Structures are given as C-alpha cells and as structure tokens.
N, C-alpha and C. Protein backbone atom coordinates (compact mmCIF):
# COMPACT_ATOMS: atom_id res chain seq x y z
N MET A 1 15.12 -15.92 -34.34
CA MET A 1 14.52 -15.25 -33.18
C MET A 1 13.23 -14.55 -33.60
N THR A 2 12.15 -14.80 -32.86
CA THR A 2 10.88 -14.16 -33.17
C THR A 2 10.94 -12.68 -32.82
N ASN A 3 9.96 -11.93 -33.35
CA ASN A 3 9.92 -10.50 -33.07
C ASN A 3 9.77 -10.23 -31.57
N GLU A 4 8.93 -11.02 -30.89
CA GLU A 4 8.73 -10.81 -29.46
C GLU A 4 10.03 -11.04 -28.69
N ALA A 5 10.74 -12.10 -29.01
CA ALA A 5 12.01 -12.38 -28.34
C ALA A 5 13.02 -11.27 -28.60
N LEU A 6 13.03 -10.74 -29.82
CA LEU A 6 13.94 -9.65 -30.16
C LEU A 6 13.59 -8.41 -29.36
N PHE A 7 12.31 -8.09 -29.28
CA PHE A 7 11.88 -6.90 -28.52
C PHE A 7 12.18 -7.05 -27.03
N ILE A 8 12.03 -8.25 -26.51
CA ILE A 8 12.36 -8.48 -25.10
C ILE A 8 13.86 -8.26 -24.87
N ALA A 9 14.67 -8.77 -25.78
CA ALA A 9 16.12 -8.58 -25.66
C ALA A 9 16.49 -7.11 -25.72
N ILE A 10 15.86 -6.38 -26.65
CA ILE A 10 16.13 -4.94 -26.77
C ILE A 10 15.72 -4.22 -25.50
N ALA A 11 14.56 -4.59 -24.95
CA ALA A 11 14.07 -3.94 -23.74
C ALA A 11 15.02 -4.15 -22.57
N ILE A 12 15.50 -5.37 -22.39
CA ILE A 12 16.37 -5.68 -21.25
C ILE A 12 17.74 -5.03 -21.42
N ILE A 13 18.33 -5.19 -22.58
CA ILE A 13 19.66 -4.61 -22.81
C ILE A 13 19.59 -3.09 -22.77
N GLY A 14 18.56 -2.53 -23.41
CA GLY A 14 18.39 -1.08 -23.41
C GLY A 14 18.19 -0.54 -22.00
N SER A 15 17.43 -1.26 -21.19
CA SER A 15 17.18 -0.83 -19.81
C SER A 15 18.46 -0.84 -18.99
N TYR A 16 19.27 -1.85 -19.17
CA TYR A 16 20.55 -1.90 -18.45
C TYR A 16 21.44 -0.72 -18.85
N LEU A 17 21.51 -0.44 -20.14
CA LEU A 17 22.35 0.66 -20.60
C LEU A 17 21.83 2.01 -20.11
N LEU A 18 20.51 2.17 -20.08
CA LEU A 18 19.93 3.40 -19.54
C LEU A 18 20.28 3.54 -18.06
N GLY A 19 20.10 2.46 -17.31
CA GLY A 19 20.41 2.51 -15.88
C GLY A 19 21.88 2.76 -15.62
N SER A 20 22.73 2.36 -16.55
CA SER A 20 24.18 2.49 -16.36
C SER A 20 24.69 3.92 -16.58
N ILE A 21 23.86 4.80 -17.10
CA ILE A 21 24.32 6.18 -17.32
C ILE A 21 24.74 6.77 -15.97
N PRO A 22 26.02 7.08 -15.77
CA PRO A 22 26.53 7.51 -14.46
C PRO A 22 26.40 9.02 -14.25
N SER A 23 25.18 9.49 -14.12
CA SER A 23 24.95 10.94 -14.05
C SER A 23 25.67 11.61 -12.88
N ALA A 24 25.67 10.95 -11.71
CA ALA A 24 26.34 11.54 -10.55
C ALA A 24 27.85 11.61 -10.77
N TYR A 25 28.40 10.59 -11.35
CA TYR A 25 29.84 10.57 -11.65
C TYR A 25 30.19 11.68 -12.63
N ILE A 26 29.37 11.81 -13.68
CA ILE A 26 29.60 12.85 -14.69
C ILE A 26 29.52 14.24 -14.06
N ALA A 27 28.52 14.46 -13.20
CA ALA A 27 28.36 15.76 -12.55
C ALA A 27 29.57 16.10 -11.69
N GLY A 28 30.05 15.13 -10.94
CA GLY A 28 31.22 15.36 -10.09
C GLY A 28 32.46 15.68 -10.90
N ARG A 29 32.65 14.97 -12.00
CA ARG A 29 33.82 15.21 -12.85
C ARG A 29 33.75 16.57 -13.54
N LEU A 30 32.60 16.87 -14.11
CA LEU A 30 32.46 18.11 -14.87
C LEU A 30 32.48 19.35 -13.97
N ARG A 31 31.83 19.27 -12.82
CA ARG A 31 31.67 20.45 -11.96
C ARG A 31 32.87 20.70 -11.06
N LYS A 32 33.42 19.63 -10.48
CA LYS A 32 34.52 19.82 -9.53
C LYS A 32 35.73 18.93 -9.77
N GLY A 33 35.68 18.13 -10.83
CA GLY A 33 36.82 17.28 -11.13
C GLY A 33 37.05 16.18 -10.12
N ILE A 34 35.98 15.71 -9.47
CA ILE A 34 36.10 14.68 -8.44
C ILE A 34 35.38 13.41 -8.86
N ASP A 35 35.78 12.31 -8.24
CA ASP A 35 35.05 11.05 -8.39
C ASP A 35 34.08 10.99 -7.22
N ILE A 36 32.80 11.13 -7.50
CA ILE A 36 31.79 11.21 -6.45
C ILE A 36 31.80 9.96 -5.57
N ARG A 37 32.35 8.88 -6.07
CA ARG A 37 32.40 7.62 -5.30
C ARG A 37 33.53 7.61 -4.27
N GLU A 38 34.33 8.67 -4.28
CA GLU A 38 35.46 8.74 -3.35
C GLU A 38 35.28 9.83 -2.28
N VAL A 39 34.17 10.53 -2.30
CA VAL A 39 33.95 11.62 -1.33
C VAL A 39 32.60 11.44 -0.63
N GLY A 40 32.45 12.09 0.52
CA GLY A 40 31.18 12.06 1.24
C GLY A 40 30.78 10.65 1.63
N SER A 41 29.56 10.28 1.25
CA SER A 41 29.05 8.94 1.55
C SER A 41 29.60 7.90 0.58
N GLN A 42 30.35 8.36 -0.41
CA GLN A 42 30.94 7.50 -1.45
C GLN A 42 29.88 6.77 -2.28
N ASN A 43 28.69 7.35 -2.30
CA ASN A 43 27.62 6.78 -3.11
C ASN A 43 27.46 7.58 -4.40
N MET A 44 27.29 6.88 -5.50
CA MET A 44 27.07 7.55 -6.78
C MET A 44 25.58 7.84 -6.93
N GLY A 45 25.13 8.83 -6.13
CA GLY A 45 23.73 9.18 -6.14
C GLY A 45 23.50 10.67 -5.98
N ALA A 46 22.26 11.07 -6.13
CA ALA A 46 21.92 12.49 -6.13
C ALA A 46 22.23 13.17 -4.79
N MET A 47 21.97 12.49 -3.65
CA MET A 47 22.18 13.11 -2.36
C MET A 47 23.65 13.43 -2.13
N ASN A 48 24.53 12.55 -2.54
CA ASN A 48 25.95 12.83 -2.39
C ASN A 48 26.38 13.99 -3.27
N VAL A 49 25.75 14.11 -4.43
CA VAL A 49 26.04 15.25 -5.31
C VAL A 49 25.53 16.54 -4.68
N PHE A 50 24.34 16.52 -4.06
CA PHE A 50 23.81 17.69 -3.36
C PHE A 50 24.84 18.23 -2.37
N TYR A 51 25.38 17.33 -1.55
CA TYR A 51 26.28 17.74 -0.47
C TYR A 51 27.68 18.08 -0.95
N LYS A 52 28.19 17.38 -1.96
CA LYS A 52 29.59 17.53 -2.34
C LYS A 52 29.83 18.31 -3.62
N VAL A 53 28.79 18.49 -4.43
CA VAL A 53 28.97 19.23 -5.70
C VAL A 53 28.11 20.49 -5.73
N GLY A 54 26.84 20.39 -5.36
CA GLY A 54 25.98 21.57 -5.35
C GLY A 54 24.52 21.22 -5.53
N ILE A 55 23.66 22.18 -5.20
CA ILE A 55 22.23 21.93 -5.25
C ILE A 55 21.74 21.72 -6.68
N VAL A 56 22.14 22.60 -7.59
CA VAL A 56 21.68 22.48 -8.98
C VAL A 56 22.17 21.18 -9.63
N PRO A 57 23.47 20.85 -9.53
CA PRO A 57 23.90 19.55 -10.07
C PRO A 57 23.16 18.39 -9.42
N GLY A 58 22.90 18.50 -8.11
CA GLY A 58 22.17 17.44 -7.42
C GLY A 58 20.77 17.26 -7.96
N LEU A 59 20.09 18.37 -8.23
CA LEU A 59 18.74 18.30 -8.79
C LEU A 59 18.76 17.69 -10.19
N LEU A 60 19.77 18.06 -10.97
CA LEU A 60 19.88 17.51 -12.32
C LEU A 60 20.13 16.01 -12.28
N VAL A 61 21.01 15.59 -11.38
CA VAL A 61 21.30 14.16 -11.24
C VAL A 61 20.05 13.42 -10.78
N LEU A 62 19.32 13.99 -9.83
CA LEU A 62 18.08 13.37 -9.36
C LEU A 62 17.10 13.19 -10.51
N ALA A 63 16.93 14.24 -11.33
CA ALA A 63 16.01 14.17 -12.46
C ALA A 63 16.44 13.11 -13.47
N VAL A 64 17.74 13.06 -13.75
CA VAL A 64 18.23 12.08 -14.72
C VAL A 64 18.07 10.66 -14.19
N ASP A 65 18.40 10.46 -12.92
CA ASP A 65 18.32 9.11 -12.36
C ASP A 65 16.87 8.61 -12.29
N ILE A 66 15.95 9.49 -11.92
CA ILE A 66 14.53 9.11 -11.94
C ILE A 66 14.10 8.83 -13.38
N GLY A 67 14.56 9.69 -14.29
CA GLY A 67 14.22 9.53 -15.70
C GLY A 67 14.73 8.22 -16.29
N LYS A 68 15.89 7.76 -15.82
CA LYS A 68 16.44 6.49 -16.32
C LYS A 68 15.48 5.34 -16.03
N GLY A 69 14.98 5.30 -14.80
CA GLY A 69 14.06 4.22 -14.43
C GLY A 69 12.77 4.28 -15.22
N ALA A 70 12.21 5.49 -15.34
CA ALA A 70 10.97 5.66 -16.08
C ALA A 70 11.17 5.33 -17.56
N ALA A 71 12.30 5.75 -18.12
CA ALA A 71 12.57 5.52 -19.54
C ALA A 71 12.73 4.03 -19.84
N ALA A 72 13.31 3.29 -18.89
CA ALA A 72 13.49 1.85 -19.10
C ALA A 72 12.15 1.14 -19.22
N VAL A 73 11.22 1.47 -18.33
CA VAL A 73 9.90 0.84 -18.39
C VAL A 73 9.13 1.35 -19.60
N ALA A 74 9.31 2.63 -19.93
CA ALA A 74 8.64 3.21 -21.09
C ALA A 74 9.10 2.52 -22.38
N LEU A 75 10.39 2.22 -22.45
CA LEU A 75 10.92 1.52 -23.63
C LEU A 75 10.26 0.15 -23.78
N ALA A 76 10.19 -0.58 -22.68
CA ALA A 76 9.56 -1.90 -22.73
C ALA A 76 8.08 -1.79 -23.09
N HIS A 77 7.42 -0.79 -22.54
CA HIS A 77 6.00 -0.58 -22.83
C HIS A 77 5.80 -0.24 -24.31
N TRP A 78 6.67 0.59 -24.84
CA TRP A 78 6.59 1.00 -26.25
C TRP A 78 6.82 -0.20 -27.18
N LEU A 79 7.66 -1.13 -26.75
CA LEU A 79 7.94 -2.32 -27.55
C LEU A 79 6.83 -3.36 -27.45
N GLU A 80 5.85 -3.09 -26.58
CA GLU A 80 4.68 -3.95 -26.39
C GLU A 80 5.06 -5.37 -25.98
N VAL A 81 6.00 -5.45 -25.06
CA VAL A 81 6.37 -6.74 -24.49
C VAL A 81 5.41 -7.07 -23.35
N PRO A 82 5.37 -8.30 -22.88
CA PRO A 82 4.46 -8.66 -21.77
C PRO A 82 4.73 -7.81 -20.52
N PRO A 83 3.70 -7.57 -19.70
CA PRO A 83 3.85 -6.75 -18.49
C PRO A 83 4.99 -7.19 -17.58
N ILE A 84 5.21 -8.50 -17.47
CA ILE A 84 6.28 -8.97 -16.60
C ILE A 84 7.65 -8.51 -17.11
N VAL A 85 7.76 -8.34 -18.42
CA VAL A 85 9.03 -7.87 -18.99
C VAL A 85 9.21 -6.39 -18.69
N GLU A 86 8.11 -5.64 -18.64
CA GLU A 86 8.21 -4.23 -18.25
C GLU A 86 8.80 -4.11 -16.85
N MET A 87 8.31 -4.96 -15.94
CA MET A 87 8.84 -4.94 -14.57
C MET A 87 10.30 -5.39 -14.56
N LEU A 88 10.61 -6.40 -15.35
CA LEU A 88 11.98 -6.88 -15.43
C LEU A 88 12.91 -5.81 -15.99
N ALA A 89 12.41 -5.04 -16.95
CA ALA A 89 13.20 -3.94 -17.51
C ALA A 89 13.49 -2.89 -16.44
N GLY A 90 12.48 -2.59 -15.61
CA GLY A 90 12.70 -1.65 -14.52
C GLY A 90 13.74 -2.16 -13.54
N ALA A 91 13.66 -3.44 -13.20
CA ALA A 91 14.64 -4.04 -12.29
C ALA A 91 16.04 -3.99 -12.90
N THR A 92 16.13 -4.22 -14.20
CA THR A 92 17.42 -4.20 -14.89
C THR A 92 18.03 -2.81 -14.88
N ALA A 93 17.19 -1.77 -14.99
CA ALA A 93 17.68 -0.40 -14.93
C ALA A 93 18.28 -0.09 -13.56
N VAL A 94 17.61 -0.56 -12.51
CA VAL A 94 18.13 -0.36 -11.16
C VAL A 94 19.46 -1.08 -10.98
N ILE A 95 19.55 -2.30 -11.50
CA ILE A 95 20.79 -3.06 -11.44
C ILE A 95 21.88 -2.35 -12.24
N GLY A 96 21.49 -1.78 -13.39
CA GLY A 96 22.46 -1.04 -14.20
C GLY A 96 23.03 0.15 -13.46
N HIS A 97 22.18 0.84 -12.68
CA HIS A 97 22.67 1.97 -11.88
C HIS A 97 23.67 1.50 -10.83
N GLY A 98 23.39 0.36 -10.23
CA GLY A 98 24.27 -0.15 -9.19
C GLY A 98 25.56 -0.75 -9.72
N PHE A 99 25.48 -1.29 -10.95
CA PHE A 99 26.65 -1.95 -11.54
C PHE A 99 26.83 -1.49 -12.99
N PRO A 100 27.22 -0.22 -13.18
CA PRO A 100 27.33 0.34 -14.54
C PRO A 100 28.55 -0.19 -15.30
N VAL A 101 28.30 -0.59 -16.52
CA VAL A 101 29.37 -1.14 -17.34
C VAL A 101 30.45 -0.11 -17.61
N TRP A 102 30.09 1.18 -17.62
CA TRP A 102 31.04 2.24 -17.94
C TRP A 102 32.04 2.49 -16.82
N LEU A 103 31.73 2.08 -15.59
CA LEU A 103 32.58 2.37 -14.43
C LEU A 103 33.01 1.10 -13.72
N LYS A 104 33.31 0.07 -14.50
CA LYS A 104 33.77 -1.20 -13.96
C LYS A 104 32.81 -1.78 -12.92
N PHE A 105 31.51 -1.55 -13.16
CA PHE A 105 30.42 -2.14 -12.36
C PHE A 105 30.41 -1.63 -10.90
N ARG A 106 30.89 -0.42 -10.69
CA ARG A 106 30.87 0.17 -9.35
C ARG A 106 30.01 1.43 -9.39
N GLY A 107 28.76 1.30 -8.99
CA GLY A 107 27.84 2.43 -9.09
C GLY A 107 27.17 2.77 -7.78
N GLY A 108 25.91 3.23 -7.87
CA GLY A 108 25.19 3.68 -6.69
C GLY A 108 24.21 2.64 -6.17
N ARG A 109 23.32 3.11 -5.30
CA ARG A 109 22.38 2.18 -4.65
C ARG A 109 21.07 2.03 -5.42
N GLY A 110 20.75 2.99 -6.27
CA GLY A 110 19.60 2.83 -7.16
C GLY A 110 18.28 3.36 -6.67
N GLY A 111 18.27 4.13 -5.57
CA GLY A 111 17.01 4.63 -5.02
C GLY A 111 16.23 5.51 -5.98
N ALA A 112 16.89 6.50 -6.59
CA ALA A 112 16.20 7.42 -7.50
C ALA A 112 15.73 6.70 -8.76
N THR A 113 16.55 5.79 -9.27
CA THR A 113 16.16 5.03 -10.46
C THR A 113 14.94 4.17 -10.15
N LEU A 114 14.89 3.60 -8.96
CA LEU A 114 13.73 2.81 -8.55
C LEU A 114 12.48 3.68 -8.48
N ILE A 115 12.63 4.92 -8.01
CA ILE A 115 11.49 5.84 -7.98
C ILE A 115 10.92 6.00 -9.39
N GLY A 116 11.80 6.19 -10.36
CA GLY A 116 11.35 6.35 -11.74
C GLY A 116 10.58 5.14 -12.25
N VAL A 117 11.06 3.95 -11.91
CA VAL A 117 10.39 2.72 -12.30
C VAL A 117 8.99 2.65 -11.70
N LEU A 118 8.90 2.90 -10.39
CA LEU A 118 7.63 2.75 -9.69
C LEU A 118 6.61 3.81 -10.09
N VAL A 119 7.07 5.05 -10.30
CA VAL A 119 6.09 6.09 -10.64
C VAL A 119 5.57 5.91 -12.07
N PHE A 120 6.36 5.30 -12.95
CA PHE A 120 5.85 5.02 -14.30
C PHE A 120 4.78 3.94 -14.23
N LEU A 121 5.03 2.91 -13.44
CA LEU A 121 4.06 1.82 -13.33
C LEU A 121 2.82 2.25 -12.54
N MET A 122 3.02 3.08 -11.51
CA MET A 122 1.93 3.46 -10.61
C MET A 122 1.96 4.96 -10.34
N PRO A 123 1.53 5.76 -11.31
CA PRO A 123 1.60 7.22 -11.15
C PRO A 123 0.83 7.76 -9.96
N TRP A 124 -0.18 7.03 -9.45
CA TRP A 124 -0.89 7.49 -8.26
C TRP A 124 0.03 7.52 -7.04
N GLY A 125 1.15 6.85 -7.14
CA GLY A 125 2.10 6.89 -6.03
C GLY A 125 2.82 8.22 -5.92
N ILE A 126 2.77 9.04 -6.98
CA ILE A 126 3.48 10.32 -6.96
C ILE A 126 2.94 11.25 -5.88
N PRO A 127 1.64 11.63 -5.90
CA PRO A 127 1.14 12.54 -4.86
C PRO A 127 1.21 11.94 -3.47
N ILE A 128 0.95 10.63 -3.36
CA ILE A 128 0.97 9.99 -2.04
C ILE A 128 2.39 9.95 -1.48
N GLY A 129 3.32 9.47 -2.29
CA GLY A 129 4.71 9.39 -1.86
C GLY A 129 5.31 10.76 -1.60
N LEU A 130 5.00 11.72 -2.46
CA LEU A 130 5.52 13.08 -2.29
C LEU A 130 5.00 13.71 -1.00
N GLY A 131 3.73 13.48 -0.71
CA GLY A 131 3.15 14.02 0.53
C GLY A 131 3.84 13.44 1.76
N ILE A 132 4.05 12.12 1.76
CA ILE A 132 4.74 11.47 2.88
C ILE A 132 6.16 12.00 3.02
N PHE A 133 6.84 12.14 1.88
CA PHE A 133 8.21 12.64 1.89
C PHE A 133 8.30 14.04 2.50
N LEU A 134 7.43 14.94 2.09
CA LEU A 134 7.49 16.32 2.57
C LEU A 134 7.19 16.42 4.07
N VAL A 135 6.22 15.66 4.53
CA VAL A 135 5.89 15.67 5.96
C VAL A 135 7.07 15.17 6.78
N LEU A 136 7.65 14.04 6.35
CA LEU A 136 8.78 13.47 7.08
C LEU A 136 10.01 14.37 7.02
N LEU A 137 10.20 15.04 5.88
CA LEU A 137 11.35 15.94 5.75
C LEU A 137 11.23 17.12 6.71
N LEU A 138 10.01 17.62 6.89
CA LEU A 138 9.79 18.71 7.84
C LEU A 138 10.07 18.25 9.27
N LEU A 139 9.74 17.00 9.58
CA LEU A 139 9.91 16.49 10.93
C LEU A 139 11.35 16.08 11.23
N THR A 140 12.00 15.44 10.25
CA THR A 140 13.33 14.86 10.52
C THR A 140 14.49 15.66 9.93
N ARG A 141 14.23 16.43 8.88
CA ARG A 141 15.28 17.13 8.14
C ARG A 141 16.34 16.15 7.61
N PHE A 142 15.88 14.95 7.31
CA PHE A 142 16.74 13.87 6.85
C PHE A 142 16.19 13.37 5.51
N PRO A 143 16.68 13.92 4.38
CA PRO A 143 16.11 13.59 3.06
C PRO A 143 16.11 12.10 2.72
N THR A 144 17.24 11.42 2.97
CA THR A 144 17.33 10.02 2.59
C THR A 144 16.33 9.16 3.36
N LEU A 145 16.23 9.38 4.67
CA LEU A 145 15.26 8.64 5.48
C LEU A 145 13.84 8.94 5.02
N SER A 146 13.57 10.20 4.71
CA SER A 146 12.22 10.62 4.32
C SER A 146 11.79 9.96 3.03
N TYR A 147 12.65 9.95 2.01
CA TYR A 147 12.22 9.36 0.75
C TYR A 147 12.22 7.84 0.82
N SER A 148 13.07 7.28 1.69
CA SER A 148 13.08 5.83 1.85
C SER A 148 11.76 5.33 2.45
N ILE A 149 11.27 6.04 3.46
CA ILE A 149 9.99 5.66 4.07
C ILE A 149 8.85 5.93 3.10
N ALA A 150 8.95 7.03 2.35
CA ALA A 150 7.90 7.37 1.38
C ALA A 150 7.77 6.28 0.31
N LEU A 151 8.89 5.65 -0.05
CA LEU A 151 8.85 4.59 -1.06
C LEU A 151 8.03 3.39 -0.60
N LEU A 152 7.91 3.23 0.71
CA LEU A 152 7.17 2.09 1.25
C LEU A 152 5.67 2.16 0.93
N CYS A 153 5.22 3.33 0.45
CA CYS A 153 3.80 3.46 0.12
C CYS A 153 3.44 2.69 -1.15
N PHE A 154 4.43 2.39 -2.00
CA PHE A 154 4.11 1.82 -3.31
C PHE A 154 3.47 0.43 -3.25
N PRO A 155 3.91 -0.49 -2.38
CA PRO A 155 3.18 -1.76 -2.30
C PRO A 155 1.73 -1.57 -1.91
N PHE A 156 1.45 -0.57 -1.05
CA PHE A 156 0.07 -0.31 -0.64
C PHE A 156 -0.72 0.35 -1.77
N VAL A 157 -0.06 1.22 -2.54
CA VAL A 157 -0.70 1.82 -3.71
C VAL A 157 -1.05 0.73 -4.72
N ALA A 158 -0.12 -0.21 -4.93
CA ALA A 158 -0.36 -1.32 -5.85
C ALA A 158 -1.55 -2.16 -5.41
N TRP A 159 -1.67 -2.34 -4.11
CA TRP A 159 -2.74 -3.18 -3.55
C TRP A 159 -4.08 -2.46 -3.50
N LEU A 160 -4.09 -1.24 -2.95
CA LEU A 160 -5.35 -0.56 -2.66
C LEU A 160 -5.90 0.23 -3.85
N ILE A 161 -5.03 0.71 -4.72
CA ILE A 161 -5.49 1.54 -5.85
C ILE A 161 -5.48 0.76 -7.16
N TYR A 162 -4.40 0.05 -7.43
CA TYR A 162 -4.29 -0.66 -8.71
C TYR A 162 -4.78 -2.11 -8.64
N HIS A 163 -4.89 -2.65 -7.44
CA HIS A 163 -5.37 -4.02 -7.26
C HIS A 163 -4.56 -5.01 -8.10
N ARG A 164 -3.24 -4.81 -8.04
CA ARG A 164 -2.33 -5.64 -8.81
C ARG A 164 -1.39 -6.40 -7.88
N GLY A 165 -1.64 -7.68 -7.75
CA GLY A 165 -0.78 -8.50 -6.91
C GLY A 165 0.65 -8.55 -7.41
N ASP A 166 0.81 -8.53 -8.75
CA ASP A 166 2.17 -8.57 -9.30
C ASP A 166 2.93 -7.28 -8.98
N TYR A 167 2.22 -6.15 -8.98
CA TYR A 167 2.87 -4.89 -8.62
C TYR A 167 3.23 -4.86 -7.14
N VAL A 168 2.38 -5.45 -6.30
CA VAL A 168 2.68 -5.53 -4.86
C VAL A 168 3.98 -6.31 -4.65
N ALA A 169 4.05 -7.48 -5.28
CA ALA A 169 5.23 -8.33 -5.13
C ALA A 169 6.47 -7.65 -5.72
N PHE A 170 6.31 -7.06 -6.89
CA PHE A 170 7.44 -6.42 -7.57
C PHE A 170 7.99 -5.25 -6.75
N SER A 171 7.11 -4.34 -6.32
CA SER A 171 7.56 -3.16 -5.58
C SER A 171 8.17 -3.55 -4.24
N SER A 172 7.60 -4.55 -3.57
CA SER A 172 8.14 -5.01 -2.29
C SER A 172 9.54 -5.58 -2.47
N LEU A 173 9.70 -6.40 -3.51
CA LEU A 173 11.00 -7.01 -3.77
C LEU A 173 12.04 -5.97 -4.18
N MET A 174 11.63 -5.03 -5.03
CA MET A 174 12.57 -4.02 -5.52
C MET A 174 13.04 -3.08 -4.41
N LEU A 175 12.18 -2.83 -3.44
CA LEU A 175 12.57 -1.95 -2.33
C LEU A 175 13.71 -2.55 -1.51
N LEU A 176 13.87 -3.86 -1.57
CA LEU A 176 14.93 -4.50 -0.82
C LEU A 176 16.32 -4.20 -1.40
N ILE A 177 16.38 -3.91 -2.70
CA ILE A 177 17.68 -3.70 -3.36
C ILE A 177 18.41 -2.50 -2.77
N PRO A 178 17.83 -1.28 -2.79
CA PRO A 178 18.56 -0.16 -2.19
C PRO A 178 18.69 -0.30 -0.68
N LEU A 179 17.68 -0.93 -0.02
CA LEU A 179 17.75 -1.08 1.43
C LEU A 179 18.94 -1.92 1.84
N ILE A 180 19.12 -3.07 1.22
CA ILE A 180 20.24 -3.95 1.55
C ILE A 180 21.57 -3.27 1.29
N ARG A 181 21.65 -2.55 0.18
CA ARG A 181 22.90 -1.88 -0.16
C ARG A 181 23.17 -0.68 0.76
N TYR A 182 22.12 -0.18 1.43
CA TYR A 182 22.28 1.00 2.28
C TYR A 182 22.61 0.63 3.73
N ILE A 183 22.46 -0.65 4.10
CA ILE A 183 22.68 -1.05 5.48
C ILE A 183 24.06 -0.65 6.02
N PRO A 184 25.17 -0.89 5.29
CA PRO A 184 26.48 -0.47 5.81
C PRO A 184 26.56 1.03 6.08
N ARG A 185 25.92 1.82 5.21
CA ARG A 185 25.93 3.27 5.39
C ARG A 185 25.12 3.67 6.63
N ILE A 186 24.00 2.98 6.88
CA ILE A 186 23.18 3.26 8.05
C ILE A 186 23.98 3.00 9.33
N LYS A 187 24.71 1.89 9.36
CA LYS A 187 25.54 1.57 10.52
C LYS A 187 26.61 2.63 10.74
N GLU A 188 27.23 3.07 9.66
CA GLU A 188 28.27 4.09 9.75
C GLU A 188 27.72 5.40 10.31
N MET A 189 26.54 5.82 9.81
CA MET A 189 25.94 7.07 10.27
C MET A 189 25.52 6.99 11.73
N ARG A 190 24.98 5.83 12.14
CA ARG A 190 24.57 5.69 13.54
C ARG A 190 25.77 5.82 14.47
N THR A 191 26.90 5.24 14.08
CA THR A 191 28.11 5.32 14.89
C THR A 191 28.58 6.77 15.03
N LYS A 192 28.56 7.50 13.91
CA LYS A 192 28.98 8.90 13.93
C LYS A 192 28.02 9.78 14.71
N ALA A 193 26.72 9.46 14.62
CA ALA A 193 25.71 10.28 15.29
C ALA A 193 25.65 9.98 16.79
N GLY A 194 26.06 8.78 17.18
CA GLY A 194 26.02 8.42 18.58
C GLY A 194 24.69 7.87 19.05
N GLY A 195 23.79 7.60 18.14
CA GLY A 195 22.49 7.04 18.50
C GLY A 195 21.47 7.23 17.40
N TRP A 196 20.39 6.41 17.47
CA TRP A 196 19.38 6.45 16.42
C TRP A 196 18.61 7.77 16.42
N ARG A 197 18.31 8.31 17.59
CA ARG A 197 17.53 9.55 17.67
C ARG A 197 18.29 10.72 17.03
N ARG A 198 19.55 10.82 17.34
CA ARG A 198 20.37 11.90 16.77
C ARG A 198 20.51 11.73 15.27
N LEU A 199 20.54 10.46 14.82
CA LEU A 199 20.66 10.19 13.39
C LEU A 199 19.40 10.59 12.63
N ALA A 200 18.24 10.23 13.19
CA ALA A 200 16.97 10.44 12.49
C ALA A 200 16.47 11.88 12.57
N LEU A 201 16.65 12.52 13.72
CA LEU A 201 16.15 13.88 13.91
C LEU A 201 17.31 14.87 13.83
N ARG A 202 17.48 15.49 12.70
CA ARG A 202 18.63 16.35 12.46
C ARG A 202 18.28 17.81 12.68
N LYS A 203 19.30 18.61 12.88
CA LYS A 203 19.11 20.03 13.16
C LYS A 203 18.68 20.79 11.90
N ASN A 204 19.25 20.45 10.77
CA ASN A 204 18.91 21.09 9.51
C ASN A 204 19.30 20.17 8.35
N LEU A 205 18.99 20.59 7.13
CA LEU A 205 19.26 19.75 5.96
C LEU A 205 20.75 19.55 5.70
N LYS A 206 21.59 20.47 6.21
CA LYS A 206 23.02 20.36 6.00
C LYS A 206 23.70 19.45 7.03
N ASP A 207 22.95 19.09 8.05
CA ASP A 207 23.48 18.22 9.10
C ASP A 207 23.62 16.81 8.54
N ARG A 208 24.86 16.32 8.46
CA ARG A 208 25.09 15.02 7.83
C ARG A 208 26.17 14.26 8.56
N PHE A 209 26.01 12.95 8.64
CA PHE A 209 26.99 12.09 9.32
C PHE A 209 27.70 11.19 8.33
C-alpha cells in the first residue's frame, strides 16, 4: 500500500470513529442516567439534550458534535490527501454520527456534525449562517428550523464566495442527509401542533411538540 492510500484509509476510518463519538448519549447517561434515544424526540443530538438533560450539557454536546465534523476534515487536511477525500472524510463523520459503531449503529441525524464539516471547509459561512440563524430564531423561536434553514446558505457561500463547484455539489448533497432523516420527526411535530403555522411559529424556546 502506498503512503497516499494509507493516509486516505486513516482519514476515512479516523473520520468515522470521530463521528461515532456518542456525546449526546454520554451526556444523558452521566447527567441523568437516561438513554437520550428513548426520551423526547428520541434523537441523539444536542437539541434533545437541551430539552431533556439541561442547557449546559446541551451546549457541550453541540460543541463536541460540531467539533467532530471539523476534526474529521482537519485530520484529512493534515494528512494532505486530495481535496475530494477531505469532503469524503466529512461525509463519513456525519455517517458515523448517524450510525455509531459503539451503539449498535443507532445514532442521531448528524446536523451539528455537518455544521462542523461545512464551517471547516467554508469558514465564511460562519457569520452568514449565524446571522440567518439568529434572525430566524427571533422570529420563530424554533431552534431546529432556524439552523436547518441557515444551513442552506452553504451552497450559495460555496458558489458566490469560494467559486467552488465541488463545494456546491458536496454541501447540497450533504444537506439531504439530515433532512431525509428528519422527515418522520417533522410529520410527528406537525400532527401534534395541529398545523404548519403553529409548528413553525412558537410561543417561546421551551415550546416543543
């Protein structure tokens, strides 16, 4: 095996293992002795930890999950593998979050890990995405909807700022992963809310369906 092939293998395997770190599960077990996948939205993600474990654990989980995505791409970049492998490493980290080897491949949707991947590749997306998120959060009081829409800025950032067609294609494709996995949850929330307007425009941040 050549050095490049070895480094590519290390990047991909390392990215999967990084993505597989079950921070939300660990927070739920350590803080309240619960399996975060069995309570609330049953998602192994930061938002479920916010609501079911606490604000501080939720913030820590959010930081770790974003860090996992960024670290996966950083590892590939440090190994000096081709750019396409860096993107593949980021995708593998997101897959690792969704299907962690440590928890019998039952994980979360990968939204925060995807954020880490995209902001490492396109740091100009940070102020733009953050601005969109904060404005939408003030209007809707719906964190998940706000950051989901904010993520849609990345294909445009890739196109208008970085002029990278590969980044446009990669970010567009990667956004489909958490979206597809979130569809059942969206249907469930709409049923509980009684309509799209009630679902999207909430009374406060604690209002949850």
